[in-house]
Amino acid sequence: MNNEDKATGDADQSREFGAMGELLRELQKEEMEQNEISPAETPESRITQNTIDLMTEINATLKEIAETQKSILEELRMIK
């Protein structure tokens, strides 16, 4: 291999790296833009959301229990 071939090979590698580098920069740019639009959830926010969901479900269950108790009391009053 002579020096010309070696120089051509190095130039091809630098062009390839340049294209790959450009691709990586574009991907990073897209990821940053996407994160600005919808930032990733933090573990704390997921825990908070799970807690809110559980409390909502508990509240709905308690309402059902209260309605059932109310209907039972009404039936007992009608029987007496």
PDB file of N, CA and C in Angstrom:
ATOM      1  N   MET A   1       0.848  -1.167   0.000  1.00  0.00           N
ATOM      2  CA  MET A   1       0.000   0.000   0.000  1.00  0.00           C
ATOM      3  C   MET A   1       0.894   1.230   0.000  1.00  0.00           C
ATOM      4  N   ASN A   2       0.666   2.128  -0.929  1.00  0.00           N
ATOM      5  CA  ASN A   2       1.489   3.334  -0.967  1.00  0.00           C
ATOM      6  C   ASN A   2       0.813   4.463  -0.180  1.00  0.00           C
ATOM      7  N   ASN A   3       1.465   5.587  -0.108  1.00  0.00           N
ATOM      8  CA  ASN A   3       0.971   6.695   0.701  1.00  0.00           C
ATOM      9  C   ASN A   3      -0.329   7.276   0.168  1.00  0.00           C
ATOM     10  N   GLU A   4      -0.517   7.259  -1.186  1.00  0.00           N
ATOM     11  CA  GLU A   4      -1.754   7.783  -1.762  1.00  0.00           C
ATOM     12  C   GLU A   4      -2.952   6.955  -1.312  1.00  0.00           C
ATOM     13  N   ASP A   5      -2.812   5.615  -1.339  1.00  0.00           N
ATOM     14  CA  ASP A   5      -3.891   4.742  -0.908  1.00  0.00           C
ATOM     15  C   ASP A   5      -4.208   4.957   0.570  1.00  0.00           C
ATOM     16  N   LYS A   6      -3.149   5.148   1.343  1.00  0.00           N
ATOM     17  CA  LYS A   6      -3.323   5.356   2.774  1.00  0.00           C
ATOM     18  C   LYS A   6      -4.068   6.670   3.021  1.00  0.00           C
ATOM     19  N   ALA A   7      -3.715   7.699   2.310  1.00  0.00           N
ATOM     20  CA  ALA A   7      -4.356   8.999   2.467  1.00  0.00           C
ATOM     21  C   ALA A   7      -5.812   8.929   2.040  1.00  0.00           C
ATOM     22  N   THR A   8      -6.102   8.209   0.961  1.00  0.00           N
ATOM     23  CA  THR A   8      -7.468   8.059   0.482  1.00  0.00           C
ATOM     24  C   THR A   8      -8.295   7.290   1.503  1.00  0.00           C
ATOM     25  N   GLY A   9      -7.709   6.251   2.067  1.00  0.00           N
ATOM     26  CA  GLY A   9      -8.393   5.464   3.087  1.00  0.00           C
ATOM     27  C   GLY A   9      -8.724   6.304   4.310  1.00  0.00           C
ATOM     28  N   ASP A  10      -7.796   7.137   4.750  1.00  0.00           N
ATOM     29  CA  ASP A  10      -8.042   8.006   5.902  1.00  0.00           C
ATOM     30  C   ASP A  10      -9.139   9.012   5.596  1.00  0.00           C
ATOM     31  N   ALA A  11      -9.138   9.546   4.389  1.00  0.00           N
ATOM     32  CA  ALA A  11     -10.158  10.515   4.006  1.00  0.00           C
ATOM     33  C   ALA A  11     -11.535   9.858   3.980  1.00  0.00           C
ATOM     34  N   ASP A  12     -11.606   8.605   3.473  1.00  0.00           N
ATOM     35  CA  ASP A  12     -12.880   7.898   3.458  1.00  0.00           C
ATOM     36  C   ASP A  12     -13.388   7.659   4.880  1.00  0.00           C
ATOM     37  N   GLN A  13     -12.477   7.289   5.770  1.00  0.00           N
ATOM     38  CA  GLN A  13     -12.881   7.060   7.153  1.00  0.00           C
ATOM     39  C   GLN A  13     -13.380   8.344   7.803  1.00  0.00           C
ATOM     40  N   SER A  14     -12.723   9.464   7.532  1.00  0.00           N
ATOM     41  CA  SER A  14     -13.149  10.717   8.143  1.00  0.00           C
ATOM     42  C   SER A  14     -14.503  11.144   7.573  1.00  0.00           C
ATOM     43  N   ARG A  15     -14.741  10.874   6.290  1.00  0.00           N
ATOM     44  CA  ARG A  15     -16.046  11.188   5.704  1.00  0.00           C
ATOM     45  C   ARG A  15     -17.124  10.317   6.331  1.00  0.00           C
ATOM     46  N   GLU A  16     -16.812   9.040   6.528  1.00  0.00           N
ATOM     47  CA  GLU A  16     -17.772   8.130   7.128  1.00  0.00           C
ATOM     48  C   GLU A  16     -18.086   8.568   8.553  1.00  0.00           C
ATOM     49  N   PHE A  17     -17.069   8.923   9.290  1.00  0.00           N
ATOM     50  CA  PHE A  17     -17.271   9.388  10.656  1.00  0.00           C
ATOM     51  C   PHE A  17     -18.072  10.681  10.653  1.00  0.00           C
ATOM     52  N   GLY A  18     -17.797  11.532   9.701  1.00  0.00           N
ATOM     53  CA  GLY A  18     -18.532  12.798   9.592  1.00  0.00           C
ATOM     54  C   GLY A  18     -20.009  12.564   9.351  1.00  0.00           C
ATOM     55  N   ALA A  19     -20.325  11.621   8.489  1.00  0.00           N
ATOM     56  CA  ALA A  19     -21.724  11.299   8.213  1.00  0.00           C
ATOM     57  C   ALA A  19     -22.376  10.677   9.442  1.00  0.00           C
ATOM     58  N   MET A  20     -21.650   9.781  10.105  1.00  0.00           N
ATOM     59  CA  MET A  20     -22.184   9.161  11.317  1.00  0.00           C
ATOM     60  C   MET A  20     -22.317  10.205  12.425  1.00  0.00           C
ATOM     61  N   GLY A  21     -21.340  11.092  12.512  1.00  0.00           N
ATOM     62  CA  GLY A  21     -21.407  12.156  13.503  1.00  0.00           C
ATOM     63  C   GLY A  21     -22.610  13.054  13.255  1.00  0.00           C
ATOM     64  N   GLU A  22     -22.850  13.364  11.985  1.00  0.00           N
ATOM     65  CA  GLU A  22     -23.997  14.198  11.628  1.00  0.00           C
ATOM     66  C   GLU A  22     -25.302  13.484  11.977  1.00  0.00           C
ATOM     67  N   LEU A  23     -25.368  12.189  11.713  1.00  0.00           N
ATOM     68  CA  LEU A  23     -26.550  11.398  12.048  1.00  0.00           C
ATOM     69  C   LEU A  23     -26.786  11.405  13.563  1.00  0.00           C
ATOM     70  N   LEU A  24     -25.716  11.213  14.339  1.00  0.00           N
ATOM     71  CA  LEU A  24     -25.841  11.242  15.792  1.00  0.00           C
ATOM     72  C   LEU A  24     -26.310  12.615  16.284  1.00  0.00           C
ATOM     73  N   ARG A  25     -25.792  13.675  15.680  1.00  0.00           N
ATOM     74  CA  ARG A  25     -26.222  15.022  16.076  1.00  0.00           C
ATOM     75  C   ARG A  25     -27.705  15.227  15.786  1.00  0.00           C
ATOM     76  N   GLU A  26     -28.170  14.748  14.648  1.00  0.00           N
ATOM     77  CA  GLU A  26     -29.587  14.875  14.292  1.00  0.00           C
ATOM     78  C   GLU A  26     -30.466  14.095  15.269  1.00  0.00           C
ATOM     79  N   LEU A  27     -30.032  12.881  15.612  1.00  0.00           N
ATOM     80  CA  LEU A  27     -30.801  12.068  16.555  1.00  0.00           C
ATOM     81  C   LEU A  27     -30.865  12.732  17.927  1.00  0.00           C
ATOM     82  N   GLN A  28     -29.739  13.294  18.373  1.00  0.00           N
ATOM     83  CA  GLN A  28     -29.726  13.990  19.654  1.00  0.00           C
ATOM     84  C   GLN A  28     -30.638  15.211  19.619  1.00  0.00           C
ATOM     85  N   LYS A  29     -30.619  15.924  18.508  1.00  0.00           N
ATOM     86  CA  LYS A  29     -31.465  17.107  18.366  1.00  0.00           C
ATOM     87  C   LYS A  29     -32.940  16.717  18.445  1.00  0.00           C
ATOM     88  N   GLU A  30     -33.330  15.642  17.744  1.00  0.00           N
ATOM     89  CA  GLU A  30     -34.709  15.173  17.785  1.00  0.00           C
ATOM     90  C   GLU A  30     -35.106  14.749  19.195  1.00  0.00           C
ATOM     91  N   GLU A  31     -34.198  14.057  19.879  1.00  0.00           N
ATOM     92  CA  GLU A  31     -34.492  13.605  21.239  1.00  0.00           C
ATOM     93  C   GLU A  31     -34.685  14.792  22.173  1.00  0.00           C
ATOM     94  N   MET A  32     -33.846  15.808  22.036  1.00  0.00           N
ATOM     95  CA  MET A  32     -33.976  16.998  22.877  1.00  0.00           C
ATOM     96  C   MET A  32     -35.291  17.714  22.602  1.00  0.00           C
ATOM     97  N   GLU A  33     -35.677  17.817  21.335  1.00  0.00           N
ATOM     98  CA  GLU A  33     -36.941  18.456  20.993  1.00  0.00           C
ATOM     99  C   GLU A  33     -38.113  17.669  21.563  1.00  0.00           C
ATOM    100  N   GLN A  34     -38.043  16.364  21.479  1.00  0.00           N
ATOM    101  CA  GLN A  34     -39.110  15.518  22.003  1.00  0.00           C
ATOM    102  C   GLN A  34     -39.199  15.644  23.521  1.00  0.00           C
ATOM    103  N   ASN A  35     -38.072  15.727  24.190  1.00  0.00           N
ATOM    104  CA  ASN A  35     -38.068  15.883  25.644  1.00  0.00           C
ATOM    105  C   ASN A  35     -38.636  17.229  26.062  1.00  0.00           C
ATOM    106  N   GLU A  36     -38.450  18.252  25.237  1.00  0.00           N
ATOM    107  CA  GLU A  36     -39.021  19.555  25.545  1.00  0.00           C
ATOM    108  C   GLU A  36     -40.532  19.508  25.443  1.00  0.00           C
ATOM    109  N   ILE A  37     -41.049  18.753  24.478  1.00  0.00           N
ATOM    110  CA  ILE A  37     -42.492  18.646  24.277  1.00  0.00           C
ATOM    111  C   ILE A  37     -43.125  17.815  25.381  1.00  0.00           C
ATOM    112  N   SER A  38     -42.568  16.645  25.652  1.00  0.00           N
ATOM    113  CA  SER A  38     -43.106  15.765  26.689  1.00  0.00           C
ATOM    114  C   SER A  38     -41.960  15.242  27.546  1.00  0.00           C
ATOM    115  N   PRO A  39     -41.611  15.993  28.592  1.00  0.00           N
ATOM    116  CA  PRO A  39     -40.485  15.559  29.425  1.00  0.00           C
ATOM    117  C   PRO A  39     -40.780  14.223  30.098  1.00  0.00           C
ATOM    118  N   ALA A  40     -39.736  13.479  30.340  1.00  0.00           N
ATOM    119  CA  ALA A  40     -39.883  12.173  30.974  1.00  0.00           C
ATOM    120  C   ALA A  40     -40.384  12.355  32.401  1.00  0.00           C
ATOM    121  N   GLU A  41     -41.193  11.405  32.833  1.00  0.00           N
ATOM    122  CA  GLU A  41     -41.714  11.451  34.184  1.00  0.00           C
ATOM    123  C   GLU A  41     -40.616  11.118  35.181  1.00  0.00           C
ATOM    124  N   THR A  42     -40.645  11.818  36.293  1.00  0.00           N
ATOM    125  CA  THR A  42     -39.721  11.483  37.367  1.00  0.00           C
ATOM    126  C   THR A  42     -40.364  10.384  38.208  1.00  0.00           C
ATOM    127  N   PRO A  43     -39.578   9.621  38.921  1.00  0.00           N
ATOM    128  CA  PRO A  43     -40.167   8.580  39.776  1.00  0.00           C
ATOM    129  C   PRO A  43     -41.159   9.161  40.782  1.00  0.00           C
ATOM    130  N   GLU A  44     -40.871  10.354  41.297  1.00  0.00           N
ATOM    131  CA  GLU A  44     -41.771  10.986  42.262  1.00  0.00           C
ATOM    132  C   GLU A  44     -43.124  11.290  41.641  1.00  0.00           C
ATOM    133  N   SER A  45     -43.130  11.762  40.407  1.00  0.00           N
ATOM    134  CA  SER A  45     -44.405  12.093  39.767  1.00  0.00           C
ATOM    135  C   SER A  45     -45.210  10.830  39.480  1.00  0.00           C
ATOM    136  N   ARG A  46     -44.520   9.718  39.172  1.00  0.00           N
ATOM    137  CA  ARG A  46     -45.234   8.454  38.962  1.00  0.00           C
ATOM    138  C   ARG A  46     -45.844   7.955  40.263  1.00  0.00           C
ATOM    139  N   ILE A  47     -45.089   8.083  41.363  1.00  0.00           N
ATOM    140  CA  ILE A  47     -45.606   7.664  42.663  1.00  0.00           C
ATOM    141  C   ILE A  47     -46.807   8.516  43.037  1.00  0.00           C
ATOM    142  N   THR A  48     -46.699   9.814  42.815  1.00  0.00           N
ATOM    143  CA  THR A  48     -47.801  10.718  43.119  1.00  0.00           C
ATOM    144  C   THR A  48     -49.025  10.357  42.293  1.00  0.00           C
ATOM    145  N   GLN A  49     -48.836  10.094  41.023  1.00  0.00           N
ATOM    146  CA  GLN A  49     -49.961   9.737  40.157  1.00  0.00           C
ATOM    147  C   GLN A  49     -50.577   8.419  40.599  1.00  0.00           C
ATOM    148  N   ASN A  50     -49.752   7.441  40.969  1.00  0.00           N
ATOM    149  CA  ASN A  50     -50.277   6.166  41.454  1.00  0.00           C
ATOM    150  C   ASN A  50     -51.083   6.367  42.729  1.00  0.00           C
ATOM    151  N   THR A  51     -50.605   7.229  43.615  1.00  0.00           N
ATOM    152  CA  THR A  51     -51.318   7.520  44.857  1.00  0.00           C
ATOM    153  C   THR A  51     -52.663   8.166  44.559  1.00  0.00           C
ATOM    154  N   ILE A  52     -52.681   9.096  43.636  1.00  0.00           N
ATOM    155  CA  ILE A  52     -53.936   9.761  43.253  1.00  0.00           C
ATOM    156  C   ILE A  52     -54.905   8.740  42.676  1.00  0.00           C
ATOM    157  N   ASP A  53     -54.419   7.856  41.825  1.00  0.00           N
ATOM    158  CA  ASP A  53     -55.282   6.823  41.243  1.00  0.00           C
ATOM    159  C   ASP A  53     -55.868   5.914  42.317  1.00  0.00           C
ATOM    160  N   LEU A  54     -55.026   5.508  43.268  1.00  0.00           N
ATOM    161  CA  LEU A  54     -55.503   4.648  44.361  1.00  0.00           C
ATOM    162  C   LEU A  54     -56.539   5.363  45.217  1.00  0.00           C
ATOM    163  N   MET A  55     -56.301   6.621  45.530  1.00  0.00           N
ATOM    164  CA  MET A  55     -57.240   7.374  46.350  1.00  0.00           C
ATOM    165  C   MET A  55     -58.573   7.557  45.624  1.00  0.00           C
ATOM    166  N   THR A  56     -58.524   7.759  44.326  1.00  0.00           N
ATOM    167  CA  THR A  56     -59.742   7.893  43.543  1.00  0.00           C
ATOM    168  C   THR A  56     -60.530   6.589  43.573  1.00  0.00           C
ATOM    169  N   GLU A  57     -59.842   5.472  43.433  1.00  0.00           N
ATOM    170  CA  GLU A  57     -60.496   4.167  43.476  1.00  0.00           C
ATOM    171  C   GLU A  57     -61.084   3.894  44.863  1.00  0.00           C
ATOM    172  N   ILE A  58     -60.341   4.232  45.915  1.00  0.00           N
ATOM    173  CA  ILE A  58     -60.841   4.051  47.280  1.00  0.00           C
ATOM    174  C   ILE A  58     -62.079   4.910  47.507  1.00  0.00           C
ATOM    175  N   ASN A  59     -62.049   6.130  47.033  1.00  0.00           N
ATOM    176  CA  ASN A  59     -63.187   7.031  47.187  1.00  0.00           C
ATOM    177  C   ASN A  59     -64.425   6.459  46.495  1.00  0.00           C
ATOM    178  N   ALA A  60     -64.250   5.946  45.298  1.00  0.00           N
ATOM    179  CA  ALA A  60     -65.377   5.362  44.580  1.00  0.00           C
ATOM    180  C   ALA A  60     -65.938   4.150  45.328  1.00  0.00           C
ATOM    181  N   THR A  61     -65.056   3.327  45.867  1.00  0.00           N
ATOM    182  CA  THR A  61     -65.482   2.153  46.635  1.00  0.00           C
ATOM    183  C   THR A  61     -66.240   2.573  47.894  1.00  0.00           C
ATOM    184  N   LEU A  62     -65.740   3.580  48.592  1.00  0.00           N
ATOM    185  CA  LEU A  62     -66.424   4.069  49.797  1.00  0.00           C
ATOM    186  C   LEU A  62     -67.808   4.628  49.465  1.00  0.00           C
ATOM    187  N   LYS A  63     -67.943   5.295  48.336  1.00  0.00           N
ATOM    188  CA  LYS A  63     -69.254   5.797  47.916  1.00  0.00           C
ATOM    189  C   LYS A  63     -70.211   4.638  47.673  1.00  0.00           C
ATOM    190  N   GLU A  64     -69.720   3.579  47.028  1.00  0.00           N
ATOM    191  CA  GLU A  64     -70.573   2.404  46.798  1.00  0.00           C
ATOM    192  C   GLU A  64     -71.012   1.790  48.118  1.00  0.00           C
ATOM    193  N   ILE A  65     -70.102   1.692  49.075  1.00  0.00           N
ATOM    194  CA  ILE A  65     -70.426   1.125  50.392  1.00  0.00           C
ATOM    195  C   ILE A  65     -71.486   1.984  51.081  1.00  0.00           C
ATOM    196  N   ALA A  66     -71.319   3.300  51.030  1.00  0.00           N
ATOM    197  CA  ALA A  66     -72.282   4.207  51.666  1.00  0.00           C
ATOM    198  C   ALA A  66     -73.661   4.071  51.023  1.00  0.00           C
ATOM    199  N   GLU A  67     -73.718   3.954  49.711  1.00  0.00           N
ATOM    200  CA  GLU A  67     -74.999   3.786  49.023  1.00  0.00           C
ATOM    201  C   GLU A  67     -75.652   2.464  49.398  1.00  0.00           C
ATOM    202  N   THR A  68     -74.853   1.410  49.507  1.00  0.00           N
ATOM    203  CA  THR A  68     -75.383   0.103  49.907  1.00  0.00           C
ATOM    204  C   THR A  68     -75.934   0.164  51.324  1.00  0.00           C
ATOM    205  N   GLN A  69     -75.205   0.785  52.250  1.00  0.00           N
ATOM    206  CA  GLN A  69     -75.674   0.926  53.621  1.00  0.00           C
ATOM    207  C   GLN A  69     -76.967   1.738  53.687  1.00  0.00           C
ATOM    208  N   LYS A  70     -77.035   2.778  52.875  1.00  0.00           N
ATOM    209  CA  LYS A  70     -78.231   3.624  52.853  1.00  0.00           C
ATOM    210  C   LYS A  70     -79.447   2.824  52.374  1.00  0.00           C
ATOM    211  N   SER A  71     -79.251   2.036  51.314  1.00  0.00           N
ATOM    212  CA  SER A  71     -80.377   1.236  50.811  1.00  0.00           C
ATOM    213  C   SER A  71     -80.793   0.165  51.817  1.00  0.00           C
ATOM    214  N   ILE A  72     -79.847  -0.426  52.546  1.00  0.00           N
ATOM    215  CA  ILE A  72     -80.165  -1.420  53.576  1.00  0.00           C
ATOM    216  C   ILE A  72     -80.976  -0.756  54.692  1.00  0.00           C
ATOM    217  N   LEU A  73     -80.590   0.424  55.139  1.00  0.00           N
ATOM    218  CA  LEU A  73     -81.326   1.142  56.177  1.00  0.00           C
ATOM    219  C   LEU A  73     -82.745   1.468  55.729  1.00  0.00           C
ATOM    220  N   GLU A  74     -82.879   1.875  54.476  1.00  0.00           N
ATOM    221  CA  GLU A  74     -84.217   2.178  53.960  1.00  0.00           C
ATOM    222  C   GLU A  74     -85.095   0.930  53.950  1.00  0.00           C
ATOM    223  N   GLU A  75     -84.538  -0.213  53.561  1.00  0.00           N
ATOM    224  CA  GLU A  75     -85.311  -1.453  53.565  1.00  0.00           C
ATOM    225  C   GLU A  75     -85.704  -1.842  54.996  1.00  0.00           C
ATOM    226  N   LEU A  76     -84.777  -1.670  55.952  1.00  0.00           N
ATOM    227  CA  LEU A  76     -85.094  -1.980  57.338  1.00  0.00           C
ATOM    228  C   LEU A  76     -86.206  -1.087  57.870  1.00  0.00           C
ATOM    229  N   ARG A  77     -86.215   0.162  57.500  1.00  0.00           N
ATOM    230  CA  ARG A  77     -87.266   1.093  57.926  1.00  0.00           C
ATOM    231  C   ARG A  77     -88.609   0.679  57.330  1.00  0.00           C
ATOM    232  N   MET A  78     -88.581   0.216  56.082  1.00  0.00           N
ATOM    233  CA  MET A  78     -89.836  -0.187  55.432  1.00  0.00           C
ATOM    234  C   MET A  78     -90.400  -1.465  56.088  1.00  0.00           C
ATOM    235  N   ILE A  79     -89.545  -2.339  56.514  1.00  0.00           N
ATOM    236  CA  ILE A  79     -89.985  -3.588  57.140  1.00  0.00           C
ATOM    237  C   ILE A  79     -90.623  -3.296  58.503  1.00  0.00           C
ATOM    238  N   LYS A  80     -90.108  -2.371  59.280  1.00  0.00           N
ATOM    239  CA  LYS A  80     -90.628  -2.078  60.618  1.00  0.00           C
ATOM    240  C   LYS A  80     -91.871  -1.311  60.498  1.00  0.00           C
TER     241      LYS A  80
END
